[in-house]
C-alpha atoms as a PDB file:
ATOM      1  CA  MET A   1      67.773 -28.052  16.084  1.00  0.00           C
ATOM      2  CA  ARG A   2      67.716 -26.254  12.921  1.00  0.00           C
ATOM      3  CA  ASP A   3      69.081 -27.408   9.743  1.00  0.00           C
ATOM      4  CA  PRO A   4      72.456 -25.902   9.051  1.00  0.00           C
ATOM      5  CA  LYS A   5      72.084 -26.051   5.263  1.00  0.00           C
ATOM      6  CA  ARG A   6      69.799 -23.401   5.454  1.00  0.00           C
ATOM      7  CA  ILE A   7      72.423 -20.902   5.995  1.00  0.00           C
ATOM      8  CA  ALA A   8      74.100 -21.553   2.292  1.00  0.00           C
ATOM      9  CA  ARG A   9      70.548 -21.643   0.741  1.00  0.00           C
ATOM     10  CA  ILE A  10      69.745 -18.282   2.317  1.00  0.00           C
ATOM     11  CA  CYS A  11      72.940 -16.913   1.307  1.00  0.00           C
ATOM     12  CA  LYS A  12      72.820 -17.915  -2.168  1.00  0.00           C
ATOM     13  CA  ILE A  13      69.430 -16.306  -2.529  1.00  0.00           C
ATOM     14  CA  LEU A  14      70.165 -13.261  -0.693  1.00  0.00           C
ATOM     15  CA  GLN A  15      73.441 -13.106  -3.105  1.00  0.00           C
ATOM     16  CA  LYS A  16      71.232 -13.214  -6.386  1.00  0.00           C
ATOM     17  CA  VAL A  17      68.675 -10.876  -4.999  1.00  0.00           C
ATOM     18  CA  TRP A  18      71.134  -8.290  -3.818  1.00  0.00           C
ATOM     19  CA  SER A  19      73.300  -8.250  -6.790  1.00  0.00           C
ATOM     20  CA  GLY A  20      70.283  -6.859  -8.683  1.00  0.00           C
ATOM     21  CA  TYR A  21      70.227  -3.871  -6.051  1.00  0.00           C
ATOM     22  CA  SER A  22      73.823  -3.453  -5.207  1.00  0.00           C
ATOM     23  CA  ASP A  23      73.543   0.115  -4.654  1.00  0.00           C
ATOM     24  CA  GLN A  24      71.777  -0.586  -1.421  1.00  0.00           C
ATOM     25  CA  ARG A  25      72.737  -1.575   1.843  1.00  0.00           C
ATOM     26  CA  LEU A  26      71.650  -4.972   3.186  1.00  0.00           C
ATOM     27  CA  GLY A  27      69.262  -3.179   5.617  1.00  0.00           C
ATOM     28  CA  GLN A  28      67.630  -1.174   2.747  1.00  0.00           C
ATOM     29  CA  LEU A  29      67.111  -3.955   0.358  1.00  0.00           C
ATOM     30  CA  LEU A  30      65.472  -5.981   3.245  1.00  0.00           C
ATOM     31  CA  ALA A  31      63.520  -3.225   4.480  1.00  0.00           C
ATOM     32  CA  ASN A  32      62.537  -1.776   1.062  1.00  0.00           C
ATOM     33  CA  TYR A  33      62.024  -4.968  -1.098  1.00  0.00           C
ATOM     34  CA  VAL A  34      61.850  -7.958   0.980  1.00  0.00           C
ATOM     35  CA  PHE A  35      60.308  -7.512   4.384  1.00  0.00           C
ATOM     36  CA  GLY A  36      58.944  -4.444   4.811  1.00  0.00           C
ATOM     37  CA  HIS A  37      59.686  -1.497   7.338  1.00  0.00           C
ATOM     38  CA  HIS A  38      56.811  -2.648   9.705  1.00  0.00           C
ATOM     39  CA  VAL A  39      58.097  -6.562   9.905  1.00  0.00           C
ATOM     40  CA  ASP A  40      60.116  -7.142  12.866  1.00  0.00           C
ATOM     41  CA  ILE A  41      62.288 -10.233  11.752  1.00  0.00           C
ATOM     42  CA  PHE A  42      64.336 -10.699  15.173  1.00  0.00           C
ATOM     43  CA  PHE A  43      62.062 -13.593  16.161  1.00  0.00           C
ATOM     44  CA  GLN A  44      61.007 -14.748  12.445  1.00  0.00           C
ATOM     45  CA  GLU A  45      62.108 -18.099  11.972  1.00  0.00           C
ATOM     46  CA  ASP A  46      64.532 -18.903   8.935  1.00  0.00           C
ATOM     47  CA  ASP A  47      62.212 -20.835   6.510  1.00  0.00           C
ATOM     48  CA  ILE A  48      59.961 -17.612   6.763  1.00  0.00           C
ATOM     49  CA  SER A  49      62.995 -15.212   5.769  1.00  0.00           C
ATOM     50  CA  GLU A  50      63.935 -17.656   2.955  1.00  0.00           C
ATOM     51  CA  LYS A  51      60.644 -17.799   1.563  1.00  0.00           C
ATOM     52  CA  ALA A  52      60.221 -14.217   1.663  1.00  0.00           C
ATOM     53  CA  LEU A  53      63.742 -13.781  -0.175  1.00  0.00           C
ATOM     54  CA  ASP A  54      62.936 -16.629  -2.728  1.00  0.00           C
ATOM     55  CA  ASP A  55      59.378 -14.994  -3.466  1.00  0.00           C
ATOM     56  CA  PHE A  56      61.152 -11.998  -4.459  1.00  0.00           C
ATOM     57  CA  TYR A  57      63.616 -13.380  -6.315  1.00  0.00           C
ATOM     58  CA  LYS A  58      61.082 -15.234  -8.367  1.00  0.00           C
ATOM     59  CA  HIS A  59      59.610 -11.619  -9.040  1.00  0.00           C
ATOM     60  CA  ILE A  60      63.115 -10.605 -10.317  1.00  0.00           C
ATOM     61  CA  LEU A  61      63.289 -13.245 -12.623  1.00  0.00           C
ATOM     62  CA  GLN A  62      59.973 -12.221 -14.255  1.00  0.00           C
ATOM     63  CA  GLY A  63      61.279  -9.154 -15.439  1.00  0.00           C
ATOM     64  CA  THR A  64      64.364  -6.557 -15.468  1.00  0.00           C
ATOM     65  CA  ASN A  65      64.977  -4.373 -12.439  1.00  0.00           C
ATOM     66  CA  GLU A  66      63.600  -1.512 -14.031  1.00  0.00           C
ATOM     67  CA  GLN A  67      60.195  -3.394 -14.854  1.00  0.00           C
ATOM     68  CA  LEU A  68      60.186  -4.655 -11.192  1.00  0.00           C
ATOM     69  CA  ASP A  69      60.800  -1.157  -9.643  1.00  0.00           C
ATOM     70  CA  LYS A  70      57.854   0.039 -11.960  1.00  0.00           C
ATOM     71  CA  GLU A  71      55.702  -2.985 -11.193  1.00  0.00           C
ATOM     72  CA  TYR A  72      56.376  -2.616  -7.218  1.00  0.00           C
ATOM     73  CA  ASN A  73      54.259   0.347  -6.702  1.00  0.00           C
ATOM     74  CA  GLU A  74      53.332   0.890  -3.113  1.00  0.00           C
ATOM     75  CA  LYS A  75      49.657  -0.813  -3.416  1.00  0.00           C
ATOM     76  CA  GLN A  76      51.420  -3.783  -4.518  1.00  0.00           C
ATOM     77  CA  LEU A  77      53.967  -3.535  -1.981  1.00  0.00           C
ATOM     78  CA  LYS A  78      51.360  -3.300   0.738  1.00  0.00           C
ATOM     79  CA  ALA A  79      49.269  -6.069  -0.250  1.00  0.00           C
ATOM     80  CA  TYR A  80      52.646  -8.214  -0.553  1.00  0.00           C
ATOM     81  CA  PHE A  81      53.603  -7.441   3.047  1.00  0.00           C
ATOM     82  CA  LEU A  82      50.282  -8.076   4.406  1.00  0.00           C
ATOM     83  CA  GLU A  83      50.115 -11.683   3.113  1.00  0.00           C
ATOM     84  CA  LEU A  84      53.611 -11.946   4.837  1.00  0.00           C
ATOM     85  CA  ASP A  85      52.602 -10.684   7.875  1.00  0.00           C
ATOM     86  CA  LYS A  86      49.531 -12.947   8.233  1.00  0.00           C
ATOM     87  CA  LEU A  87      51.799 -15.856   7.048  1.00  0.00           C
ATOM     88  CA  VAL A  88      54.085 -15.029  10.034  1.00  0.00           C
ATOM     89  CA  LYS A  89      51.296 -14.412  12.438  1.00  0.00           C
ATOM     90  CA  ASN A  90      49.729 -18.003  11.443  1.00  0.00           C
ATOM     91  CA  ILE A  91      53.099 -19.606  12.323  1.00  0.00           C
ATOM     92  CA  GLY A  92      53.512 -18.085  15.670  1.00  0.00           C
ATOM     93  CA  ASN A  93      49.781 -19.299  16.678  1.00  0.00           C
ATOM     94  CA  GLU A  94      50.820 -22.660  15.532  1.00  0.00           C
ATOM     95  CA  ARG A  95      53.429 -22.718  18.332  1.00  0.00           C
END
């Protein structure tokens, strides 16, 4: 059984992240900054989603939103999502 406390944890992180990008719809935020357009999160376990949100929030804390937008060029985003894909695939292989 999944930990019901995860819902509050994930929502809390999501609120912090989304507050910095309030002009974006939820789907835009998740696709553009957290998971990427090529990640299918339907079967993804919540701990992976929570980690991705938490990692992105830590990046936000390192600078202002404007700095973050400048720093997250396409090359950096691609590297981030490739690492996330590897993590998701490794977890899938462990099952």
